[in-house]
């Protein structure tokens, strides 16, 4: 599975991505809107394995983002499935009609501010609709995360409600426009 944009290559994650992913997983500034808990470097392989498990469960998940010009690992963007009854992570099969796919993104801090999140998330959104048939796509964003709100706005999403996530508190549900 490979998605390509003008500046990026989005590919399936590999366990070898763990050291690069550890850079953002261990950064409190990056993780403050993702549950607020940093991940020590030795636990990064388990996080990447979880990404792979979600691909196996749902046929969708997080892509590793690489910069086309030099292959640098920038972060991840992809689909995370939620059960909208409990706002917990779920498989499509387990959540059934309550399965809600989310377009999400996280970048290593030194790569913020270059438009990479918008470019990657837009590619994932388009892929999720075309290849997986996901009509309703959301992004869950902490009300204080202004940078991610701006990404969602650039993608045409609008806030439609506020929910309580099982692991990180309140989030605004940003609904992406239909294709």
C-alpha atoms as a PDB file:
ATOM      1  CA  UNK A   1       0.000   0.000   0.000  1.00  0.00           C
ATOM      2  CA  UNK A   2       1.538   3.270  -1.127  1.00  0.00           C
ATOM      3  CA  UNK A   3       0.128   6.783  -1.476  1.00  0.00           C
ATOM      4  CA  UNK A   4       2.137   9.498  -3.148  1.00  0.00           C
ATOM      5  CA  UNK A   5       1.684  13.254  -3.159  1.00  0.00           C
ATOM      6  CA  UNK A   6       3.794  16.035  -4.579  1.00  0.00           C
ATOM      7  CA  UNK A   7       6.206  16.003  -1.610  1.00  0.00           C
ATOM      8  CA  UNK A   8       5.349  12.867   0.338  1.00  0.00           C
ATOM      9  CA  UNK A   9       5.265   9.091   0.227  1.00  0.00           C
ATOM     10  CA  UNK A  10       2.813   7.409   2.583  1.00  0.00           C
ATOM     11  CA  UNK A  11       3.489   3.721   3.062  1.00  0.00           C
ATOM     12  CA  UNK A  12       2.580   0.914   5.397  1.00  0.00           C
ATOM     13  CA  UNK A  13       4.509   1.148   8.640  1.00  0.00           C
ATOM     14  CA  UNK A  14       7.374  -1.226   9.422  1.00  0.00           C
ATOM     15  CA  UNK A  15       8.788  -2.214  12.784  1.00  0.00           C
ATOM     16  CA  UNK A  16      12.006  -0.527  11.643  1.00  0.00           C
ATOM     17  CA  UNK A  17      10.093   2.792  11.917  1.00  0.00           C
ATOM     18  CA  UNK A  18      10.084   2.540  15.717  1.00  0.00           C
ATOM     19  CA  UNK A  19      13.293   4.560  16.364  1.00  0.00           C
ATOM     20  CA  UNK A  20      12.088   7.400  14.120  1.00  0.00           C
ATOM     21  CA  UNK A  21       8.572   7.299  15.612  1.00  0.00           C
ATOM     22  CA  UNK A  22      10.117   7.409  19.096  1.00  0.00           C
ATOM     23  CA  UNK A  23      11.155  11.004  18.388  1.00  0.00           C
ATOM     24  CA  UNK A  24       7.565  12.235  18.439  1.00  0.00           C
ATOM     25  CA  UNK A  25       6.224   9.590  20.841  1.00  0.00           C
ATOM     26  CA  UNK A  26       8.655  10.834  23.485  1.00  0.00           C
ATOM     27  CA  UNK A  27       8.023  14.542  22.866  1.00  0.00           C
ATOM     28  CA  UNK A  28       5.628  16.033  25.473  1.00  0.00           C
ATOM     29  CA  UNK A  29       4.705  18.906  23.139  1.00  0.00           C
ATOM     30  CA  UNK A  30       3.619  16.491  20.392  1.00  0.00           C
ATOM     31  CA  UNK A  31       1.862  14.086  22.749  1.00  0.00           C
ATOM     32  CA  UNK A  32      -0.062  16.652  24.793  1.00  0.00           C
ATOM     33  CA  UNK A  33      -3.048  16.421  22.434  1.00  0.00           C
ATOM     34  CA  UNK A  34      -2.764  12.633  22.031  1.00  0.00           C
ATOM     35  CA  UNK A  35      -3.596  11.609  25.557  1.00  0.00           C
ATOM     36  CA  UNK A  36      -0.737  13.546  27.141  1.00  0.00           C
ATOM     37  CA  UNK A  37       1.419  10.519  27.882  1.00  0.00           C
ATOM     38  CA  UNK A  38       4.839  10.184  26.295  1.00  0.00           C
ATOM     39  CA  UNK A  39       6.143   6.799  25.216  1.00  0.00           C
ATOM     40  CA  UNK A  40       9.693   5.752  26.152  1.00  0.00           C
ATOM     41  CA  UNK A  41      11.908   4.696  23.207  1.00  0.00           C
ATOM     42  CA  UNK A  42      11.892   1.048  24.260  1.00  0.00           C
ATOM     43  CA  UNK A  43       8.076   0.977  23.916  1.00  0.00           C
ATOM     44  CA  UNK A  44       7.992   2.517  20.419  1.00  0.00           C
ATOM     45  CA  UNK A  45       8.089  -0.921  18.694  1.00  0.00           C
ATOM     46  CA  UNK A  46       4.840  -1.851  20.488  1.00  0.00           C
ATOM     47  CA  UNK A  47       3.199   1.317  19.166  1.00  0.00           C
ATOM     48  CA  UNK A  48       4.247   0.527  15.602  1.00  0.00           C
ATOM     49  CA  UNK A  49       3.003  -3.044  16.080  1.00  0.00           C
ATOM     50  CA  UNK A  50      -0.375  -1.618  17.117  1.00  0.00           C
ATOM     51  CA  UNK A  51      -0.464   0.328  13.831  1.00  0.00           C
ATOM     52  CA  UNK A  52       0.176  -2.923  11.958  1.00  0.00           C
ATOM     53  CA  UNK A  53      -2.484  -4.770  13.968  1.00  0.00           C
ATOM     54  CA  UNK A  54      -5.052  -2.127  13.043  1.00  0.00           C
ATOM     55  CA  UNK A  55      -4.242  -2.618   9.350  1.00  0.00           C
ATOM     56  CA  UNK A  56      -4.825  -6.359   9.803  1.00  0.00           C
ATOM     57  CA  UNK A  57      -8.126  -5.782  11.648  1.00  0.00           C
ATOM     58  CA  UNK A  58      -9.619  -3.045   9.493  1.00  0.00           C
ATOM     59  CA  UNK A  59      -7.845  -2.982   6.151  1.00  0.00           C
ATOM     60  CA  UNK A  60      -6.960   0.588   7.103  1.00  0.00           C
ATOM     61  CA  UNK A  61      -4.661   2.229   9.606  1.00  0.00           C
ATOM     62  CA  UNK A  62      -1.786   4.627   9.991  1.00  0.00           C
ATOM     63  CA  UNK A  63       0.632   5.226   7.143  1.00  0.00           C
ATOM     64  CA  UNK A  64       4.233   6.203   7.806  1.00  0.00           C
ATOM     65  CA  UNK A  65       4.934   9.575   6.170  1.00  0.00           C
ATOM     66  CA  UNK A  66       8.242  10.031   4.364  1.00  0.00           C
ATOM     67  CA  UNK A  67       9.474  13.144   2.617  1.00  0.00           C
ATOM     68  CA  UNK A  68       9.946  12.269  -1.043  1.00  0.00           C
ATOM     69  CA  UNK A  69      13.183  14.234  -1.545  1.00  0.00           C
ATOM     70  CA  UNK A  70      15.218  12.475   1.156  1.00  0.00           C
ATOM     71  CA  UNK A  71      13.133   9.667   2.682  1.00  0.00           C
ATOM     72  CA  UNK A  72      13.017  11.376   6.089  1.00  0.00           C
ATOM     73  CA  UNK A  73      10.381   9.994   8.470  1.00  0.00           C
ATOM     74  CA  UNK A  74       7.980  12.858   9.208  1.00  0.00           C
ATOM     75  CA  UNK A  75       5.300  11.120  11.263  1.00  0.00           C
ATOM     76  CA  UNK A  76       2.127   9.225  10.612  1.00  0.00           C
ATOM     77  CA  UNK A  77      -1.294   9.847   9.084  1.00  0.00           C
ATOM     78  CA  UNK A  78      -4.119   7.449   8.574  1.00  0.00           C
ATOM     79  CA  UNK A  79      -7.401   5.974   9.665  1.00  0.00           C
ATOM     80  CA  UNK A  80      -8.285   5.075  13.227  1.00  0.00           C
ATOM     81  CA  UNK A  81     -11.646   3.389  13.841  1.00  0.00           C
ATOM     82  CA  UNK A  82     -13.723   4.428  16.843  1.00  0.00           C
ATOM     83  CA  UNK A  83     -16.861   2.925  18.367  1.00  0.00           C
ATOM     84  CA  UNK A  84     -19.096   5.994  18.542  1.00  0.00           C
ATOM     85  CA  UNK A  85     -21.135   4.521  21.427  1.00  0.00           C
ATOM     86  CA  UNK A  86     -18.166   4.651  23.789  1.00  0.00           C
ATOM     87  CA  UNK A  87     -15.547   6.658  21.860  1.00  0.00           C
ATOM     88  CA  UNK A  88     -13.046   3.846  22.259  1.00  0.00           C
ATOM     89  CA  UNK A  89     -10.751   2.393  19.582  1.00  0.00           C
ATOM     90  CA  UNK A  90     -12.423  -0.517  17.849  1.00  0.00           C
ATOM     91  CA  UNK A  91     -12.367  -2.759  14.846  1.00  0.00           C
ATOM     92  CA  UNK A  92     -14.943  -2.221  12.129  1.00  0.00           C
ATOM     93  CA  UNK A  93     -16.323  -5.691  12.823  1.00  0.00           C
ATOM     94  CA  UNK A  94     -16.701  -5.126  16.575  1.00  0.00           C
ATOM     95  CA  UNK A  95     -18.258  -1.660  16.289  1.00  0.00           C
ATOM     96  CA  UNK A  96     -20.576  -2.606  13.421  1.00  0.00           C
ATOM     97  CA  UNK A  97     -22.864   0.241  12.444  1.00  0.00           C
ATOM     98  CA  UNK A  98     -21.251   2.378  15.161  1.00  0.00           C
ATOM     99  CA  UNK A  99     -17.805   2.192  13.547  1.00  0.00           C
ATOM    100  CA  UNK A 100     -16.578   5.718  12.859  1.00  0.00           C
ATOM    101  CA  UNK A 101     -13.387   6.108  10.801  1.00  0.00           C
ATOM    102  CA  UNK A 102     -11.212   9.062  11.758  1.00  0.00           C
ATOM    103  CA  UNK A 103      -8.587  10.763   9.604  1.00  0.00           C
ATOM    104  CA  UNK A 104      -5.695  11.564  11.928  1.00  0.00           C
ATOM    105  CA  UNK A 105      -2.157  12.886  11.689  1.00  0.00           C
ATOM    106  CA  UNK A 106       0.879  13.403  13.910  1.00  0.00           C
ATOM    107  CA  UNK A 107       4.220  14.825  12.876  1.00  0.00           C
ATOM    108  CA  UNK A 108       7.636  15.017  14.470  1.00  0.00           C
ATOM    109  CA  UNK A 109       7.753  18.554  15.885  1.00  0.00           C
ATOM    110  CA  UNK A 110      10.653  19.754  13.726  1.00  0.00           C
ATOM    111  CA  UNK A 111       8.472  19.075  10.673  1.00  0.00           C
ATOM    112  CA  UNK A 112       5.527  21.204  11.842  1.00  0.00           C
ATOM    113  CA  UNK A 113       4.541  24.254   9.840  1.00  0.00           C
ATOM    114  CA  UNK A 114       5.439  23.025   6.352  1.00  0.00           C
ATOM    115  CA  UNK A 115       1.990  21.849   5.213  1.00  0.00           C
ATOM    116  CA  UNK A 116       2.917  18.173   5.482  1.00  0.00           C
ATOM    117  CA  UNK A 117      -0.027  17.302   7.766  1.00  0.00           C
ATOM    118  CA  UNK A 118      -2.577  18.790   5.365  1.00  0.00           C
ATOM    119  CA  UNK A 119      -0.966  17.111   2.363  1.00  0.00           C
ATOM    120  CA  UNK A 120      -0.792  13.702   4.067  1.00  0.00           C
ATOM    121  CA  UNK A 121      -4.261  13.851   5.647  1.00  0.00           C
ATOM    122  CA  UNK A 122      -5.825  14.901   2.339  1.00  0.00           C
ATOM    123  CA  UNK A 123      -4.241  11.928   0.590  1.00  0.00           C
ATOM    124  CA  UNK A 124      -5.458   9.566   3.327  1.00  0.00           C
ATOM    125  CA  UNK A 125      -8.976  11.020   3.195  1.00  0.00           C
ATOM    126  CA  UNK A 126      -9.161  10.585  -0.580  1.00  0.00           C
ATOM    127  CA  UNK A 127      -7.776   7.030  -0.357  1.00  0.00           C
ATOM    128  CA  UNK A 128     -10.227   6.083   2.430  1.00  0.00           C
ATOM    129  CA  UNK A 129     -13.161   7.161   0.305  1.00  0.00           C
ATOM    130  CA  UNK A 130     -11.978   5.712  -3.000  1.00  0.00           C
ATOM    131  CA  UNK A 131     -10.429   2.447  -1.808  1.00  0.00           C
ATOM    132  CA  UNK A 132     -12.249   1.648   1.435  1.00  0.00           C
ATOM    133  CA  UNK A 133     -15.626   3.228   0.695  1.00  0.00           C
ATOM    134  CA  UNK A 134     -15.720   5.299   3.886  1.00  0.00           C
ATOM    135  CA  UNK A 135     -18.309   7.989   3.213  1.00  0.00           C
ATOM    136  CA  UNK A 136     -18.436   9.638   6.637  1.00  0.00           C
ATOM    137  CA  UNK A 137     -15.004  10.682   7.845  1.00  0.00           C
ATOM    138  CA  UNK A 138     -14.198  12.731  10.915  1.00  0.00           C
ATOM    139  CA  UNK A 139     -11.179  14.083  12.734  1.00  0.00           C
ATOM    140  CA  UNK A 140     -11.208  14.233  16.535  1.00  0.00           C
ATOM    141  CA  UNK A 141      -9.367  17.335  17.728  1.00  0.00           C
ATOM    142  CA  UNK A 142      -8.711  18.663  21.216  1.00  0.00           C
ATOM    143  CA  UNK A 143     -10.418  22.074  21.506  1.00  0.00           C
ATOM    144  CA  UNK A 144      -7.045  23.648  22.420  1.00  0.00           C
ATOM    145  CA  UNK A 145      -5.194  22.184  19.414  1.00  0.00           C
ATOM    146  CA  UNK A 146      -5.378  25.198  17.119  1.00  0.00           C
ATOM    147  CA  UNK A 147      -2.799  23.843  14.651  1.00  0.00           C
ATOM    148  CA  UNK A 148      -4.837  20.679  13.971  1.00  0.00           C
ATOM    149  CA  UNK A 149      -8.016  22.748  13.723  1.00  0.00           C
ATOM    150  CA  UNK A 150      -6.321  24.734  10.936  1.00  0.00           C
ATOM    151  CA  UNK A 151      -5.370  21.500   9.134  1.00  0.00           C
ATOM    152  CA  UNK A 152      -8.989  20.320   9.380  1.00  0.00           C
ATOM    153  CA  UNK A 153     -10.220  23.663   8.049  1.00  0.00           C
ATOM    154  CA  UNK A 154      -7.823  23.481   5.085  1.00  0.00           C
ATOM    155  CA  UNK A 155      -9.291  20.041   4.350  1.00  0.00           C
ATOM    156  CA  UNK A 156     -12.795  21.529   4.371  1.00  0.00           C
ATOM    157  CA  UNK A 157     -13.889  19.902   7.653  1.00  0.00           C
ATOM    158  CA  UNK A 158     -16.276  21.624  10.063  1.00  0.00           C
ATOM    159  CA  UNK A 159     -16.794  21.071  13.814  1.00  0.00           C
ATOM    160  CA  UNK A 160     -20.175  19.432  14.430  1.00  0.00           C
ATOM    161  CA  UNK A 161     -20.182  18.197  18.042  1.00  0.00           C
ATOM    162  CA  UNK A 162     -18.075  17.610  21.136  1.00  0.00           C
ATOM    163  CA  UNK A 163     -17.521  14.141  22.616  1.00  0.00           C
ATOM    164  CA  UNK A 164     -15.683  12.596  25.556  1.00  0.00           C
ATOM    165  CA  UNK A 165     -12.928  10.214  24.453  1.00  0.00           C
ATOM    166  CA  UNK A 166     -12.140   7.243  26.657  1.00  0.00           C
ATOM    167  CA  UNK A 167      -8.439   8.098  27.001  1.00  0.00           C
ATOM    168  CA  UNK A 168      -7.896  11.808  26.522  1.00  0.00           C
ATOM    169  CA  UNK A 169     -10.965  13.795  27.497  1.00  0.00           C
ATOM    170  CA  UNK A 170     -12.987  16.181  25.393  1.00  0.00           C
ATOM    171  CA  UNK A 171     -12.590  16.355  21.611  1.00  0.00           C
ATOM    172  CA  UNK A 172     -14.381  18.239  18.910  1.00  0.00           C
ATOM    173  CA  UNK A 173     -15.681  16.107  16.052  1.00  0.00           C
ATOM    174  CA  UNK A 174     -14.717  17.697  12.736  1.00  0.00           C
ATOM    175  CA  UNK A 175     -16.769  16.300   9.856  1.00  0.00           C
ATOM    176  CA  UNK A 176     -15.032  16.120   6.484  1.00  0.00           C
ATOM    177  CA  UNK A 177     -17.180  17.117   3.506  1.00  0.00           C
ATOM    178  CA  UNK A 178     -18.458  14.320   1.336  1.00  0.00           C
ATOM    179  CA  UNK A 179     -16.606  13.735  -1.899  1.00  0.00           C
END
